[in-house]
Amino acid sequence: METVVVYSPVEDKNIKTDFQNSPIWKDKKAYNEEEYMENTKRFPTWFKYSFKFEGLTPKQVTNVQKIVN
């Protein structure tokens, strides 16, 4: 499994129990680090989600961090 960091302006309080159906995926509000750096000013608060991926499928949430700009 590979650890992947995803940035999102969406806070998902249930992501640890239902990460595959998270609104960050459904609303297409998941960004990689480069996209996050380009868009930091668009939203005052971001969330940094660390996932374990198996291929293209998220399998486990390992960390969630709030980032306030």
C-alpha atoms as a PDB file:
ATOM      1  CA  MET A   1       0.000   0.000   0.000  1.00  0.00           C
ATOM      2  CA  GLU A   2       1.077   3.545  -0.723  1.00  0.00           C
ATOM      3  CA  THR A   3       0.515   6.541   1.566  1.00  0.00           C
ATOM      4  CA  VAL A   4      -1.063   9.474  -0.267  1.00  0.00           C
ATOM      5  CA  VAL A   5      -1.780  12.950   1.116  1.00  0.00           C
ATOM      6  CA  VAL A   6      -4.953  14.644  -0.106  1.00  0.00           C
ATOM      7  CA  TYR A   7      -5.903  18.261   0.624  1.00  0.00           C
ATOM      8  CA  SER A   8      -9.508  19.412   0.735  1.00  0.00           C
ATOM      9  CA  PRO A   9     -11.491  22.435   1.903  1.00  0.00           C
ATOM     10  CA  VAL A  10     -14.202  19.973   2.966  1.00  0.00           C
ATOM     11  CA  GLU A  11     -14.211  18.742   6.557  1.00  0.00           C
ATOM     12  CA  ASP A  12     -15.491  15.195   6.704  1.00  0.00           C
ATOM     13  CA  LYS A  13     -15.977  14.189  10.330  1.00  0.00           C
ATOM     14  CA  ASN A  14     -17.006  10.667   9.293  1.00  0.00           C
ATOM     15  CA  ILE A  15     -14.071  10.009   6.997  1.00  0.00           C
ATOM     16  CA  LYS A  16     -12.497   7.421   9.294  1.00  0.00           C
ATOM     17  CA  THR A  17     -15.597   5.217   9.150  1.00  0.00           C
ATOM     18  CA  ASP A  18     -16.776   5.788   5.559  1.00  0.00           C
ATOM     19  CA  PHE A  19     -13.834   7.195   3.618  1.00  0.00           C
ATOM     20  CA  GLN A  20     -14.743   5.657   0.262  1.00  0.00           C
ATOM     21  CA  ASN A  21     -18.034   7.620   0.170  1.00  0.00           C
ATOM     22  CA  SER A  22     -16.565  10.860   1.503  1.00  0.00           C
ATOM     23  CA  PRO A  23     -17.837  14.149   0.045  1.00  0.00           C
ATOM     24  CA  ILE A  24     -14.240  15.064  -0.804  1.00  0.00           C
ATOM     25  CA  TRP A  25     -14.449  12.472  -3.603  1.00  0.00           C
ATOM     26  CA  LYS A  26     -18.095  13.044  -4.567  1.00  0.00           C
ATOM     27  CA  ASP A  27     -17.789  16.852  -4.708  1.00  0.00           C
ATOM     28  CA  LYS A  28     -14.410  16.590  -6.477  1.00  0.00           C
ATOM     29  CA  LYS A  29     -12.768  18.625  -3.719  1.00  0.00           C
ATOM     30  CA  ALA A  30      -9.654  16.462  -3.354  1.00  0.00           C
ATOM     31  CA  TYR A  31      -6.371  18.097  -4.332  1.00  0.00           C
ATOM     32  CA  ASN A  32      -2.758  16.964  -4.473  1.00  0.00           C
ATOM     33  CA  GLU A  33      -0.047  19.123  -2.890  1.00  0.00           C
ATOM     34  CA  GLU A  34       0.670  21.135  -6.056  1.00  0.00           C
ATOM     35  CA  GLU A  35      -3.015  21.932  -6.601  1.00  0.00           C
ATOM     36  CA  TYR A  36      -3.363  22.836  -2.924  1.00  0.00           C
ATOM     37  CA  MET A  37      -0.447  25.295  -3.140  1.00  0.00           C
ATOM     38  CA  GLU A  38      -2.049  26.945  -6.177  1.00  0.00           C
ATOM     39  CA  ASN A  39      -5.421  27.284  -4.410  1.00  0.00           C
ATOM     40  CA  THR A  40      -4.560  28.021  -0.770  1.00  0.00           C
ATOM     41  CA  LYS A  41      -6.175  31.462  -0.886  1.00  0.00           C
ATOM     42  CA  ARG A  42      -9.495  30.201  -2.281  1.00  0.00           C
ATOM     43  CA  PHE A  43     -10.569  28.761   1.066  1.00  0.00           C
ATOM     44  CA  PRO A  44      -9.620  29.962   4.582  1.00  0.00           C
ATOM     45  CA  THR A  45      -9.492  26.437   6.020  1.00  0.00           C
ATOM     46  CA  TRP A  46      -8.155  23.240   4.510  1.00  0.00           C
ATOM     47  CA  PHE A  47      -7.880  19.662   5.737  1.00  0.00           C
ATOM     48  CA  LYS A  48      -4.931  17.405   5.071  1.00  0.00           C
ATOM     49  CA  TYR A  49      -5.991  13.763   4.829  1.00  0.00           C
ATOM     50  CA  SER A  50      -3.438  10.948   4.775  1.00  0.00           C
ATOM     51  CA  PHE A  51      -4.652   7.734   3.187  1.00  0.00           C
ATOM     52  CA  LYS A  52      -3.263   4.310   2.509  1.00  0.00           C
ATOM     53  CA  PHE A  53      -4.124   3.494  -1.106  1.00  0.00           C
ATOM     54  CA  GLU A  54      -4.096   0.140  -2.825  1.00  0.00           C
ATOM     55  CA  GLY A  55      -3.884   1.021  -6.491  1.00  0.00           C
ATOM     56  CA  LEU A  56      -6.494   3.733  -7.061  1.00  0.00           C
ATOM     57  CA  THR A  57      -8.649   2.726  -4.084  1.00  0.00           C
ATOM     58  CA  PRO A  58      -8.343   4.342  -0.636  1.00  0.00           C
ATOM     59  CA  LYS A  59      -8.138   1.605   2.010  1.00  0.00           C
ATOM     60  CA  GLN A  60      -7.393   3.408   5.287  1.00  0.00           C
ATOM     61  CA  VAL A  61      -7.273   6.925   6.752  1.00  0.00           C
ATOM     62  CA  THR A  62      -4.103   7.358   8.786  1.00  0.00           C
ATOM     63  CA  ASN A  63      -4.253  11.044   9.738  1.00  0.00           C
ATOM     64  CA  VAL A  64      -6.384  14.197   9.468  1.00  0.00           C
ATOM     65  CA  GLN A  65      -4.968  17.668  10.077  1.00  0.00           C
ATOM     66  CA  LYS A  66      -6.708  21.054   9.958  1.00  0.00           C
ATOM     67  CA  ILE A  67      -4.836  23.858   8.174  1.00  0.00           C
ATOM     68  CA  VAL A  68      -5.928  27.486   8.716  1.00  0.00           C
ATOM     69  CA  ASN A  69      -4.577  30.060   6.283  1.00  0.00           C
END
